[in-house]
Structure formats: C-alpha cells, structure tokens
Amino acid sequence: LETAMENCTSYGYASPEAVRAAVGRLRRQLPSSLVTALKAVRFLQ
C-alpha cells in the first residue's frame, strides 16, 4: 500500500490519500483504519 501511495499517478490517482481510500473501499474498511498498519511498518523500517 505504501508503494502504491508513493506511485499514485501510476494507479490513476492524483493523491496518496485517494489510493488509500480506494484500497479501503476494496477491503470494506475506512481509509483511516489503514493508517495503523502504515505507521507500524514505517516504525519497523
């Protein structure tokens, strides 16, 4: 997800938030709920 957000234009989206929202819809989750996993991975990185 982080990689897709960094390359949002290659997925046809104008912003990283739009990519996160699209993935959230596909997972039937709120986009804000995906932030936890992103922050956890950034911490581990």
ModelCIF file with pLDDT and N, C-alpha, C, O atoms, coordinates in Angstrom:
data_MODEL
#
_entry.id   MODEL 
#
_entity.id                         1 
_entity.type                       polymer 
_entity.pdbx_number_of_molecules   1 
#
_entity_poly.entity_id                      1 
_entity_poly.type                           'polypeptide(L)' 
_entity_poly.nstd_linkage                   no 
_entity_poly.nstd_monomer                   no 
_entity_poly.pdbx_seq_one_letter_code       LETAMENCTSYGYASPEAVRAAVGRLRRQLPSSLVTALKAVRFLQ 
_entity_poly.pdbx_seq_one_letter_code_can   LETAMENCTSYGYASPEAVRAAVGRLRRQLPSSLVTALKAVRFLQ 
_entity_poly.pdbx_strand_id                 A 
#
loop_
_entity_poly_seq.entity_id 
_entity_poly_seq.num 
_entity_poly_seq.mon_id 
_entity_poly_seq.hetero 
1 1  LEU n 
1 2  GLU n 
1 3  THR n 
1 4  ALA n 
1 5  MET n 
1 6  GLU n 
1 7  ASN n 
1 8  CYS n 
1 9  THR n 
1 10 SER n 
1 11 TYR n 
1 12 GLY n 
1 13 TYR n 
1 14 ALA n 
1 15 SER n 
1 16 PRO n 
1 17 GLU n 
1 18 ALA n 
1 19 VAL n 
1 20 ARG n 
1 21 ALA n 
1 22 ALA n 
1 23 VAL n 
1 24 GLY n 
1 25 ARG n 
1 26 LEU n 
1 27 ARG n 
1 28 ARG n 
1 29 GLN n 
1 30 LEU n 
1 31 PRO n 
1 32 SER n 
1 33 SER n 
1 34 LEU n 
1 35 VAL n 
1 36 THR n 
1 37 ALA n 
1 38 LEU n 
1 39 LYS n 
1 40 ALA n 
1 41 VAL n 
1 42 ARG n 
1 43 PHE n 
1 44 LEU n 
1 45 GLN n 
#
_struct_asym.id          A 
_struct_asym.entity_id   1 
#
loop_
_ma_qa_metric.id 
_ma_qa_metric.mode 
_ma_qa_metric.name 
_ma_qa_metric.software_group_id 
_ma_qa_metric.type 
1 global pLDDT . pLDDT 
2 local  pLDDT . pLDDT 
#
_ma_qa_metric_global.metric_id      1 
_ma_qa_metric_global.metric_value   96.09 
_ma_qa_metric_global.model_id       1 
_ma_qa_metric_global.ordinal_id     1 
#
loop_
_ma_qa_metric_local.label_asym_id 
_ma_qa_metric_local.label_comp_id 
_ma_qa_metric_local.label_seq_id 
_ma_qa_metric_local.metric_id 
_ma_qa_metric_local.metric_value 
_ma_qa_metric_local.model_id 
_ma_qa_metric_local.ordinal_id 
A LEU 1  2 98.00 1 1  
A GLU 2  2 97.00 1 2  
A THR 3  2 97.00 1 3  
A ALA 4  2 97.00 1 4  
A MET 5  2 98.00 1 5  
A GLU 6  2 97.00 1 6  
A ASN 7  2 96.00 1 7  
A CYS 8  2 96.00 1 8  
A THR 9  2 96.00 1 9  
A SER 10 2 95.00 1 10 
A TYR 11 2 96.00 1 11 
A GLY 12 2 96.00 1 12 
A TYR 13 2 97.00 1 13 
A ALA 14 2 97.00 1 14 
A SER 15 2 97.00 1 15 
A PRO 16 2 97.00 1 16 
A GLU 17 2 97.00 1 17 
A ALA 18 2 98.00 1 18 
A VAL 19 2 98.00 1 19 
A ARG 20 2 98.00 1 20 
A ALA 21 2 98.00 1 21 
A ALA 22 2 98.00 1 22 
A VAL 23 2 98.00 1 23 
A GLY 24 2 97.00 1 24 
A ARG 25 2 97.00 1 25 
A LEU 26 2 98.00 1 26 
A ARG 27 2 97.00 1 27 
A ARG 28 2 97.00 1 28 
A GLN 29 2 96.00 1 29 
A LEU 30 2 96.00 1 30 
A PRO 31 2 95.00 1 31 
A SER 32 2 95.00 1 32 
A SER 33 2 94.00 1 33 
A LEU 34 2 97.00 1 34 
A VAL 35 2 95.00 1 35 
A THR 36 2 92.00 1 36 
A ALA 37 2 94.00 1 37 
A LEU 38 2 96.00 1 38 
A LYS 39 2 93.00 1 39 
A ALA 40 2 94.00 1 40 
A VAL 41 2 95.00 1 41 
A ARG 42 2 94.00 1 42 
A PHE 43 2 93.00 1 43 
A LEU 44 2 93.00 1 44 
A GLN 45 2 94.00 1 45 
#
loop_
_atom_site.group_PDB 
_atom_site.id 
_atom_site.type_symbol 
_atom_site.label_atom_id 
_atom_site.label_alt_id 
_atom_site.label_comp_id 
_atom_site.label_asym_id 
_atom_site.label_entity_id 
_atom_site.label_seq_id 
_atom_site.pdbx_PDB_ins_code 
_atom_site.Cartn_x 
_atom_site.Cartn_y 
_atom_site.Cartn_z 
_atom_site.occupancy 
_atom_site.B_iso_or_equiv 
_atom_site.pdbx_formal_charge 
_atom_site.auth_seq_id 
_atom_site.auth_comp_id 
_atom_site.auth_asym_id 
_atom_site.auth_atom_id 
_atom_site.pdbx_PDB_model_num 
ATOM 1   N N  . LEU A 1 1  ? 0.831   -1.199 0.000   1.00 98.00 ? 1  LEU A N  1 
ATOM 2   C CA . LEU A 1 1  ? 0.000   0.000  0.000   1.00 98.00 ? 1  LEU A CA 1 
ATOM 3   C C  . LEU A 1 1  ? 0.867   1.252  0.000   1.00 98.00 ? 1  LEU A C  1 
ATOM 4   O O  . LEU A 1 1  ? 0.592   2.207  -0.726  1.00 98.00 ? 1  LEU A O  1 
ATOM 5   N N  . GLU A 1 2  ? 1.902   1.241  0.807   1.00 97.00 ? 2  GLU A N  1 
ATOM 6   C CA . GLU A 1 2  ? 2.804   2.391  0.860   1.00 97.00 ? 2  GLU A CA 1 
ATOM 7   C C  . GLU A 1 2  ? 3.437   2.651  -0.506  1.00 97.00 ? 2  GLU A C  1 
ATOM 8   O O  . GLU A 1 2  ? 3.535   3.800  -0.938  1.00 97.00 ? 2  GLU A O  1 
ATOM 9   N N  . THR A 1 3  ? 3.859   1.603  -1.176  1.00 97.00 ? 3  THR A N  1 
ATOM 10  C CA . THR A 1 3  ? 4.448   1.745  -2.508  1.00 97.00 ? 3  THR A CA 1 
ATOM 11  C C  . THR A 1 3  ? 3.419   2.286  -3.498  1.00 97.00 ? 3  THR A C  1 
ATOM 12  O O  . THR A 1 3  ? 3.734   3.158  -4.307  1.00 97.00 ? 3  THR A O  1 
ATOM 13  N N  . ALA A 1 4  ? 2.201   1.775  -3.436  1.00 97.00 ? 4  ALA A N  1 
ATOM 14  C CA . ALA A 1 4  ? 1.146   2.259  -4.321  1.00 97.00 ? 4  ALA A CA 1 
ATOM 15  C C  . ALA A 1 4  ? 0.841   3.731  -4.048  1.00 97.00 ? 4  ALA A C  1 
ATOM 16  O O  . ALA A 1 4  ? 0.604   4.501  -4.979  1.00 97.00 ? 4  ALA A O  1 
ATOM 17  N N  . MET A 1 5  ? 0.848   4.118  -2.781  1.00 98.00 ? 5  MET A N  1 
ATOM 18  C CA . MET A 1 5  ? 0.590   5.512  -2.433  1.00 98.00 ? 5  MET A CA 1 
ATOM 19  C C  . MET A 1 5  ? 1.709   6.420  -2.940  1.00 98.00 ? 5  MET A C  1 
ATOM 20  O O  . MET A 1 5  ? 1.457   7.545  -3.372  1.00 98.00 ? 5  MET A O  1 
ATOM 21  N N  . GLU A 1 6  ? 2.946   5.925  -2.883  1.00 97.00 ? 6  GLU A N  1 
ATOM 22  C CA . GLU A 1 6  ? 4.074   6.714  -3.385  1.00 97.00 ? 6  GLU A CA 1 
ATOM 23  C C  . GLU A 1 6  ? 4.007   6.873  -4.899  1.00 97.00 ? 6  GLU A C  1 
ATOM 24  O O  . GLU A 1 6  ? 4.505   7.860  -5.440  1.00 97.00 ? 6  GLU A O  1 
ATOM 25  N N  . ASN A 1 7  ? 3.399   5.914  -5.584  1.00 96.00 ? 7  ASN A N  1 
ATOM 26  C CA . ASN A 1 7  ? 3.272   5.924  -7.046  1.00 96.00 ? 7  ASN A CA 1 
ATOM 27  C C  . ASN A 1 7  ? 1.818   6.087  -7.458  1.00 96.00 ? 7  ASN A C  1 
ATOM 28  O O  . ASN A 1 7  ? 1.348   5.406  -8.369  1.00 96.00 ? 7  ASN A O  1 
ATOM 29  N N  . CYS A 1 8  ? 1.110   6.979  -6.799  1.00 96.00 ? 8  CYS A N  1 
ATOM 30  C CA . CYS A 1 8  ? -0.336  7.104  -7.002  1.00 96.00 ? 8  CYS A CA 1 
ATOM 31  C C  . CYS A 1 8  ? -0.714  7.413  -8.449  1.00 96.00 ? 8  CYS A C  1 
ATOM 32  O O  . CYS A 1 8  ? -1.751  6.949  -8.923  1.00 96.00 ? 8  CYS A O  1 
ATOM 33  N N  . THR A 1 9  ? 0.103   8.184  -9.151  1.00 96.00 ? 9  THR A N  1 
ATOM 34  C CA . THR A 1 9  ? -0.257  8.530  -10.528 1.00 96.00 ? 9  THR A CA 1 
ATOM 35  C C  . THR A 1 9  ? -0.219  7.312  -11.452 1.00 96.00 ? 9  THR A C  1 
ATOM 36  O O  . THR A 1 9  ? -0.962  7.259  -12.432 1.00 96.00 ? 9  THR A O  1 
ATOM 37  N N  . SER A 1 10 ? 0.637   6.339  -11.152 1.00 95.00 ? 10 SER A N  1 
ATOM 38  C CA . SER A 1 10 ? 0.680   5.145  -11.990 1.00 95.00 ? 10 SER A CA 1 
ATOM 39  C C  . SER A 1 10 ? -0.556  4.267  -11.792 1.00 95.00 ? 10 SER A C  1 
ATOM 40  O O  . SER A 1 10 ? -0.821  3.369  -12.592 1.00 95.00 ? 10 SER A O  1 
ATOM 41  N N  . TYR A 1 11 ? -1.303  4.528  -10.734 1.00 96.00 ? 11 TYR A N  1 
ATOM 42  C CA . TYR A 1 11 ? -2.549  3.813  -10.489 1.00 96.00 ? 11 TYR A CA 1 
ATOM 43  C C  . TYR A 1 11 ? -3.760  4.639  -10.939 1.00 96.00 ? 11 TYR A C  1 
ATOM 44  O O  . TYR A 1 11 ? -4.907  4.214  -10.807 1.00 96.00 ? 11 TYR A O  1 
ATOM 45  N N  . GLY A 1 12 ? -3.472  5.828  -11.471 1.00 96.00 ? 12 GLY A N  1 
ATOM 46  C CA . GLY A 1 12 ? -4.555  6.669  -11.963 1.00 96.00 ? 12 GLY A CA 1 
ATOM 47  C C  . GLY A 1 12 ? -5.176  7.577  -10.925 1.00 96.00 ? 12 GLY A C  1 
ATOM 48  O O  . GLY A 1 12 ? -6.288  8.071  -11.117 1.00 96.00 ? 12 GLY A O  1 
ATOM 49  N N  . TYR A 1 13 ? -4.475  7.803  -9.826  1.00 97.00 ? 13 TYR A N  1 
ATOM 50  C CA . TYR A 1 13 ? -4.992  8.663  -8.766  1.00 97.00 ? 13 TYR A CA 1 
ATOM 51  C C  . TYR A 1 13 ? -4.100  9.884  -8.610  1.00 97.00 ? 13 TYR A C  1 
ATOM 52  O O  . TYR A 1 13 ? -2.902  9.838  -8.888  1.00 97.00 ? 13 TYR A O  1 
ATOM 53  N N  . ALA A 1 14 ? -4.706  10.976 -8.162  1.00 97.00 ? 14 ALA A N  1 
ATOM 54  C CA . ALA A 1 14 ? -3.975  12.233 -8.032  1.00 97.00 ? 14 ALA A CA 1 
ATOM 55  C C  . ALA A 1 14 ? -3.237  12.364 -6.708  1.00 97.00 ? 14 ALA A C  1 
ATOM 56  O O  . ALA A 1 14 ? -2.304  13.158 -6.592  1.00 97.00 ? 14 ALA A O  1 
ATOM 57  N N  . SER A 1 15 ? -3.648  11.591 -5.710  1.00 97.00 ? 15 SER A N  1 
ATOM 58  C CA . SER A 1 15 ? -3.019  11.739 -4.393  1.00 97.00 ? 15 SER A CA 1 
ATOM 59  C C  . SER A 1 15 ? -2.890  10.392 -3.695  1.00 97.00 ? 15 SER A C  1 
ATOM 60  O O  . SER A 1 15 ? -3.626  9.451  -3.995  1.00 97.00 ? 15 SER A O  1 
ATOM 61  N N  . PRO A 1 16 ? -1.949  10.310 -2.760  1.00 97.00 ? 16 PRO A N  1 
ATOM 62  C CA . PRO A 1 16 ? -1.816  9.066  -1.979  1.00 97.00 ? 16 PRO A CA 1 
ATOM 63  C C  . PRO A 1 16 ? -3.079  8.744  -1.183  1.00 97.00 ? 16 PRO A C  1 
ATOM 64  O O  . PRO A 1 16 ? -3.432  7.577  -1.011  1.00 97.00 ? 16 PRO A O  1 
ATOM 65  N N  . GLU A 1 17 ? -3.748  9.775  -0.704  1.00 97.00 ? 17 GLU A N  1 
ATOM 66  C CA . GLU A 1 17 ? -4.971  9.565  0.075   1.00 97.00 ? 17 GLU A CA 1 
ATOM 67  C C  . GLU A 1 17 ? -6.054  8.909  -0.773  1.00 97.00 ? 17 GLU A C  1 
ATOM 68  O O  . GLU A 1 17 ? -6.841  8.108  -0.269  1.00 97.00 ? 17 GLU A O  1 
ATOM 69  N N  . ALA A 1 18 ? -6.096  9.249  -2.065  1.00 98.00 ? 18 ALA A N  1 
ATOM 70  C CA . ALA A 1 18 ? -7.083  8.643  -2.963  1.00 98.00 ? 18 ALA A CA 1 
ATOM 71  C C  . ALA A 1 18 ? -6.803  7.154  -3.160  1.00 98.00 ? 18 ALA A C  1 
ATOM 72  O O  . ALA A 1 18 ? -7.734  6.355  -3.257  1.00 98.00 ? 18 ALA A O  1 
ATOM 73  N N  . VAL A 1 19 ? -5.534  6.783  -3.220  1.00 98.00 ? 19 VAL A N  1 
ATOM 74  C CA . VAL A 1 19 ? -5.171  5.365  -3.319  1.00 98.00 ? 19 VAL A CA 1 
ATOM 75  C C  . VAL A 1 19 ? -5.590  4.638  -2.051  1.00 98.00 ? 19 VAL A C  1 
ATOM 76  O O  . VAL A 1 19 ? -6.178  3.558  -2.111  1.00 98.00 ? 19 VAL A O  1 
ATOM 77  N N  . ARG A 1 20 ? -5.285  5.234  -0.903  1.00 98.00 ? 20 ARG A N  1 
ATOM 78  C CA . ARG A 1 20 ? -5.660  4.626  0.380   1.00 98.00 ? 20 ARG A CA 1 
ATOM 79  C C  . ARG A 1 20 ? -7.175  4.471  0.471   1.00 98.00 ? 20 ARG A C  1 
ATOM 80  O O  . ARG A 1 20 ? -7.662  3.453  0.962   1.00 98.00 ? 20 ARG A O  1 
ATOM 81  N N  . ALA A 1 21 ? -7.924  5.466  0.004   1.00 98.00 ? 21 ALA A N  1 
ATOM 82  C CA . ALA A 1 21 ? -9.384  5.389  0.031   1.00 98.00 ? 21 ALA A CA 1 
ATOM 83  C C  . ALA A 1 21 ? -9.885  4.269  -0.883  1.00 98.00 ? 21 ALA A C  1 
ATOM 84  O O  . ALA A 1 21 ? -10.810 3.542  -0.523  1.00 98.00 ? 21 ALA A O  1 
ATOM 85  N N  . ALA A 1 22 ? -9.282  4.131  -2.052  1.00 98.00 ? 22 ALA A N  1 
ATOM 86  C CA . ALA A 1 22 ? -9.697  3.072  -2.990  1.00 98.00 ? 22 ALA A CA 1 
ATOM 87  C C  . ALA A 1 22 ? -9.440  1.692  -2.397  1.00 98.00 ? 22 ALA A C  1 
ATOM 88  O O  . ALA A 1 22 ? -10.288 0.804  -2.488  1.00 98.00 ? 22 ALA A O  1 
ATOM 89  N N  . VAL A 1 23 ? -8.276  1.513  -1.793  1.00 98.00 ? 23 VAL A N  1 
ATOM 90  C CA . VAL A 1 23 ? -7.960  0.218  -1.169  1.00 98.00 ? 23 VAL A CA 1 
ATOM 91  C C  . VAL A 1 23 ? -8.881  -0.018 0.023   1.00 98.00 ? 23 VAL A C  1 
ATOM 92  O O  . VAL A 1 23 ? -9.320  -1.146 0.249   1.00 98.00 ? 23 VAL A O  1 
ATOM 93  N N  . GLY A 1 24 ? -9.173  1.014  0.775   1.00 97.00 ? 24 GLY A N  1 
ATOM 94  C CA . GLY A 1 24 ? -10.108 0.889  1.884   1.00 97.00 ? 24 GLY A CA 1 
ATOM 95  C C  . GLY A 1 24 ? -11.481 0.420  1.426   1.00 97.00 ? 24 GLY A C  1 
ATOM 96  O O  . GLY A 1 24 ? -12.102 -0.430 2.064   1.00 97.00 ? 24 GLY A O  1 
ATOM 97  N N  . ARG A 1 25 ? -11.951 0.983  0.309   1.00 97.00 ? 25 ARG A N  1 
ATOM 98  C CA . ARG A 1 25 ? -13.246 0.543  -0.238  1.00 97.00 ? 25 ARG A CA 1 
ATOM 99  C C  . ARG A 1 25 ? -13.191 -0.920 -0.648  1.00 97.00 ? 25 ARG A C  1 
ATOM 100 O O  . ARG A 1 25 ? -14.129 -1.678 -0.398  1.00 97.00 ? 25 ARG A O  1 
ATOM 101 N N  . LEU A 1 26 ? -12.089 -1.314 -1.277  1.00 98.00 ? 26 LEU A N  1 
ATOM 102 C CA . LEU A 1 26 ? -11.960 -2.710 -1.698  1.00 98.00 ? 26 LEU A CA 1 
ATOM 103 C C  . LEU A 1 26 ? -11.943 -3.667 -0.506  1.00 98.00 ? 26 LEU A C  1 
ATOM 104 O O  . LEU A 1 26 ? -12.456 -4.783 -0.585  1.00 98.00 ? 26 LEU A O  1 
ATOM 105 N N  . ARG A 1 27 ? -11.348 -3.216 0.592   1.00 97.00 ? 27 ARG A N  1 
ATOM 106 C CA . ARG A 1 27 ? -11.292 -4.053 1.801   1.00 97.00 ? 27 ARG A CA 1 
ATOM 107 C C  . ARG A 1 27 ? -12.512 -3.870 2.698   1.00 97.00 ? 27 ARG A C  1 
ATOM 108 O O  . ARG A 1 27 ? -12.660 -4.542 3.719   1.00 97.00 ? 27 ARG A O  1 
ATOM 109 N N  . ARG A 1 28 ? -13.385 -2.943 2.292   1.00 97.00 ? 28 ARG A N  1 
ATOM 110 C CA . ARG A 1 28 ? -14.566 -2.587 3.095   1.00 97.00 ? 28 ARG A CA 1 
ATOM 111 C C  . ARG A 1 28 ? -14.163 -2.096 4.470   1.00 97.00 ? 28 ARG A C  1 
ATOM 112 O O  . ARG A 1 28 ? -14.721 -2.489 5.495   1.00 97.00 ? 28 ARG A O  1 
ATOM 113 N N  . GLN A 1 29 ? -13.164 -1.216 4.448   1.00 96.00 ? 29 GLN A N  1 
ATOM 114 C CA . GLN A 1 29 ? -12.672 -0.582 5.672   1.00 96.00 ? 29 GLN A CA 1 
ATOM 115 C C  . GLN A 1 29 ? -12.617 0.917  5.448   1.00 96.00 ? 29 GLN A C  1 
ATOM 116 O O  . GLN A 1 29 ? -12.540 1.384  4.312   1.00 96.00 ? 29 GLN A O  1 
ATOM 117 N N  . LEU A 1 30 ? -12.656 1.659  6.527   1.00 96.00 ? 30 LEU A N  1 
ATOM 118 C CA . LEU A 1 30 ? -12.439 3.094  6.424   1.00 96.00 ? 30 LEU A CA 1 
ATOM 119 C C  . LEU A 1 30 ? -10.980 3.340  6.063   1.00 96.00 ? 30 LEU A C  1 
ATOM 120 O O  . LEU A 1 30 ? -10.097 2.662  6.590   1.00 96.00 ? 30 LEU A O  1 
ATOM 121 N N  . PRO A 1 31 ? -10.708 4.288  5.181   1.00 95.00 ? 31 PRO A N  1 
ATOM 122 C CA . PRO A 1 31 ? -9.318  4.578  4.823   1.00 95.00 ? 31 PRO A CA 1 
ATOM 123 C C  . PRO A 1 31 ? -8.456  4.927  6.039   1.00 95.00 ? 31 PRO A C  1 
ATOM 124 O O  . PRO A 1 31 ? -7.270  4.601  6.078   1.00 95.00 ? 31 PRO A O  1 
ATOM 125 N N  . SER A 1 32 ? -9.049  5.581  7.015   1.00 95.00 ? 32 SER A N  1 
ATOM 126 C CA . SER A 1 32 ? -8.295  5.959  8.208   1.00 95.00 ? 32 SER A CA 1 
ATOM 127 C C  . SER A 1 32 ? -7.839  4.742  9.003   1.00 95.00 ? 32 SER A C  1 
ATOM 128 O O  . SER A 1 32 ? -6.846  4.816  9.727   1.00 95.00 ? 32 SER A O  1 
ATOM 129 N N  . SER A 1 33 ? -8.547  3.625  8.880   1.00 94.00 ? 33 SER A N  1 
ATOM 130 C CA . SER A 1 33 ? -8.145  2.423  9.619   1.00 94.00 ? 33 SER A CA 1 
ATOM 131 C C  . SER A 1 33 ? -6.887  1.786  9.030   1.00 94.00 ? 33 SER A C  1 
ATOM 132 O O  . SER A 1 33 ? -6.228  0.991  9.701   1.00 94.00 ? 33 SER A O  1 
ATOM 133 N N  . LEU A 1 34 ? -6.551  2.122  7.799   1.00 97.00 ? 34 LEU A N  1 
ATOM 134 C CA . LEU A 1 34 ? -5.347  1.574  7.170   1.00 97.00 ? 34 LEU A CA 1 
ATOM 135 C C  . LEU A 1 34 ? -4.083  2.281  7.641   1.00 97.00 ? 34 LEU A C  1 
ATOM 136 O O  . LEU A 1 34 ? -2.976  1.778  7.450   1.00 97.00 ? 34 LEU A O  1 
ATOM 137 N N  . VAL A 1 35 ? -4.248  3.431  8.248   1.00 95.00 ? 35 VAL A N  1 
ATOM 138 C CA . VAL A 1 35 ? -3.097  4.213  8.705   1.00 95.00 ? 35 VAL A CA 1 
ATOM 139 C C  . VAL A 1 35 ? -2.313  3.472  9.786   1.00 95.00 ? 35 VAL A C  1 
ATOM 140 O O  . VAL A 1 35 ? -1.091  3.600  9.850   1.00 95.00 ? 35 VAL A O  1 
ATOM 141 N N  . THR A 1 36 ? -2.977  2.717  10.618  1.00 92.00 ? 36 THR A N  1 
ATOM 142 C CA . THR A 1 36 ? -2.298  1.982  11.687  1.00 92.00 ? 36 THR A CA 1 
ATOM 143 C C  . THR A 1 36 ? -1.238  1.045  11.132  1.00 92.00 ? 36 THR A C  1 
ATOM 144 O O  . THR A 1 36 ? -0.107  1.025  11.617  1.00 92.00 ? 36 THR A O  1 
ATOM 145 N N  . ALA A 1 37 ? -1.593  0.280  10.133  1.00 94.00 ? 37 ALA A N  1 
ATOM 146 C CA . ALA A 1 37 ? -0.625  -0.641 9.522   1.00 94.00 ? 37 ALA A CA 1 
ATOM 147 C C  . ALA A 1 37 ? 0.514   0.122  8.859   1.00 94.00 ? 37 ALA A C  1 
ATOM 148 O O  . ALA A 1 37 ? 1.671   -0.291 8.939   1.00 94.00 ? 37 ALA A O  1 
ATOM 149 N N  . LEU A 1 38 ? 0.190   1.232  8.207   1.00 96.00 ? 38 LEU A N  1 
ATOM 150 C CA . LEU A 1 38 ? 1.231   2.038  7.560   1.00 96.00 ? 38 LEU A CA 1 
ATOM 151 C C  . LEU A 1 38 ? 2.219   2.592  8.586   1.00 96.00 ? 38 LEU A C  1 
ATOM 152 O O  . LEU A 1 38 ? 3.431   2.550  8.375   1.00 96.00 ? 38 LEU A O  1 
ATOM 153 N N  . LYS A 1 39 ? 1.702   3.104  9.680   1.00 93.00 ? 39 LYS A N  1 
ATOM 154 C CA . LYS A 1 39 ? 2.579   3.652  10.727  1.00 93.00 ? 39 LYS A CA 1 
ATOM 155 C C  . LYS A 1 39 ? 3.417   2.558  11.380  1.00 93.00 ? 39 LYS A C  1 
ATOM 156 O O  . LYS A 1 39 ? 4.591   2.766  11.689  1.00 93.00 ? 39 LYS A O  1 
ATOM 157 N N  . ALA A 1 40 ? 2.816   1.405  11.584  1.00 94.00 ? 40 ALA A N  1 
ATOM 158 C CA . ALA A 1 40 ? 3.557   0.296  12.195  1.00 94.00 ? 40 ALA A CA 1 
ATOM 159 C C  . ALA A 1 40 ? 4.705   -0.148 11.295  1.00 94.00 ? 40 ALA A C  1 
ATOM 160 O O  . ALA A 1 40 ? 5.807   -0.408 11.780  1.00 94.00 ? 40 ALA A O  1 
ATOM 161 N N  . VAL A 1 41 ? 4.459   -0.235 10.001  1.00 95.00 ? 41 VAL A N  1 
ATOM 162 C CA . VAL A 1 41 ? 5.520   -0.637 9.068   1.00 95.00 ? 41 VAL A CA 1 
ATOM 163 C C  . VAL A 1 41 ? 6.607   0.430  9.000   1.00 95.00 ? 41 VAL A C  1 
ATOM 164 O O  . VAL A 1 41 ? 7.791   0.100  8.940   1.00 95.00 ? 41 VAL A O  1 
ATOM 165 N N  . ARG A 1 42 ? 6.226   1.686  9.009   1.00 94.00 ? 42 ARG A N  1 
ATOM 166 C CA . ARG A 1 42 ? 7.230   2.761  8.990   1.00 94.00 ? 42 ARG A CA 1 
ATOM 167 C C  . ARG A 1 42 ? 8.110   2.707  10.237  1.00 94.00 ? 42 ARG A C  1 
ATOM 168 O O  . ARG A 1 42 ? 9.316   2.939  10.165  1.00 94.00 ? 42 ARG A O  1 
ATOM 169 N N  . PHE A 1 43 ? 7.494   2.399  11.379  1.00 93.00 ? 43 PHE A N  1 
ATOM 170 C CA . PHE A 1 43 ? 8.269   2.256  12.609  1.00 93.00 ? 43 PHE A CA 1 
ATOM 171 C C  . PHE A 1 43 ? 9.266   1.106  12.476  1.00 93.00 ? 43 PHE A C  1 
ATOM 172 O O  . PHE A 1 43 ? 10.434  1.247  12.838  1.00 93.00 ? 43 PHE A O  1 
ATOM 173 N N  . LEU A 1 44 ? 8.803   -0.023 11.959  1.00 93.00 ? 44 LEU A N  1 
ATOM 174 C CA . LEU A 1 44 ? 9.704   -1.170 11.781  1.00 93.00 ? 44 LEU A CA 1 
ATOM 175 C C  . LEU A 1 44 ? 10.807  -0.859 10.774  1.00 93.00 ? 44 LEU A C  1 
ATOM 176 O O  . LEU A 1 44 ? 11.944  -1.295 10.954  1.00 93.00 ? 44 LEU A O  1 
ATOM 177 N N  . GLN A 1 45 ? 10.490  -0.116 9.724   1.00 94.00 ? 45 GLN A N  1 
ATOM 178 C CA . GLN A 1 45 ? 11.502  0.238  8.736   1.00 94.00 ? 45 GLN A CA 1 
ATOM 179 C C  . GLN A 1 45 ? 12.637  1.049  9.366   1.00 94.00 ? 45 GLN A C  1 
ATOM 180 O O  . GLN A 1 45 ? 13.580  1.432  8.673   1.00 94.00 ? 45 GLN A O  1 
#
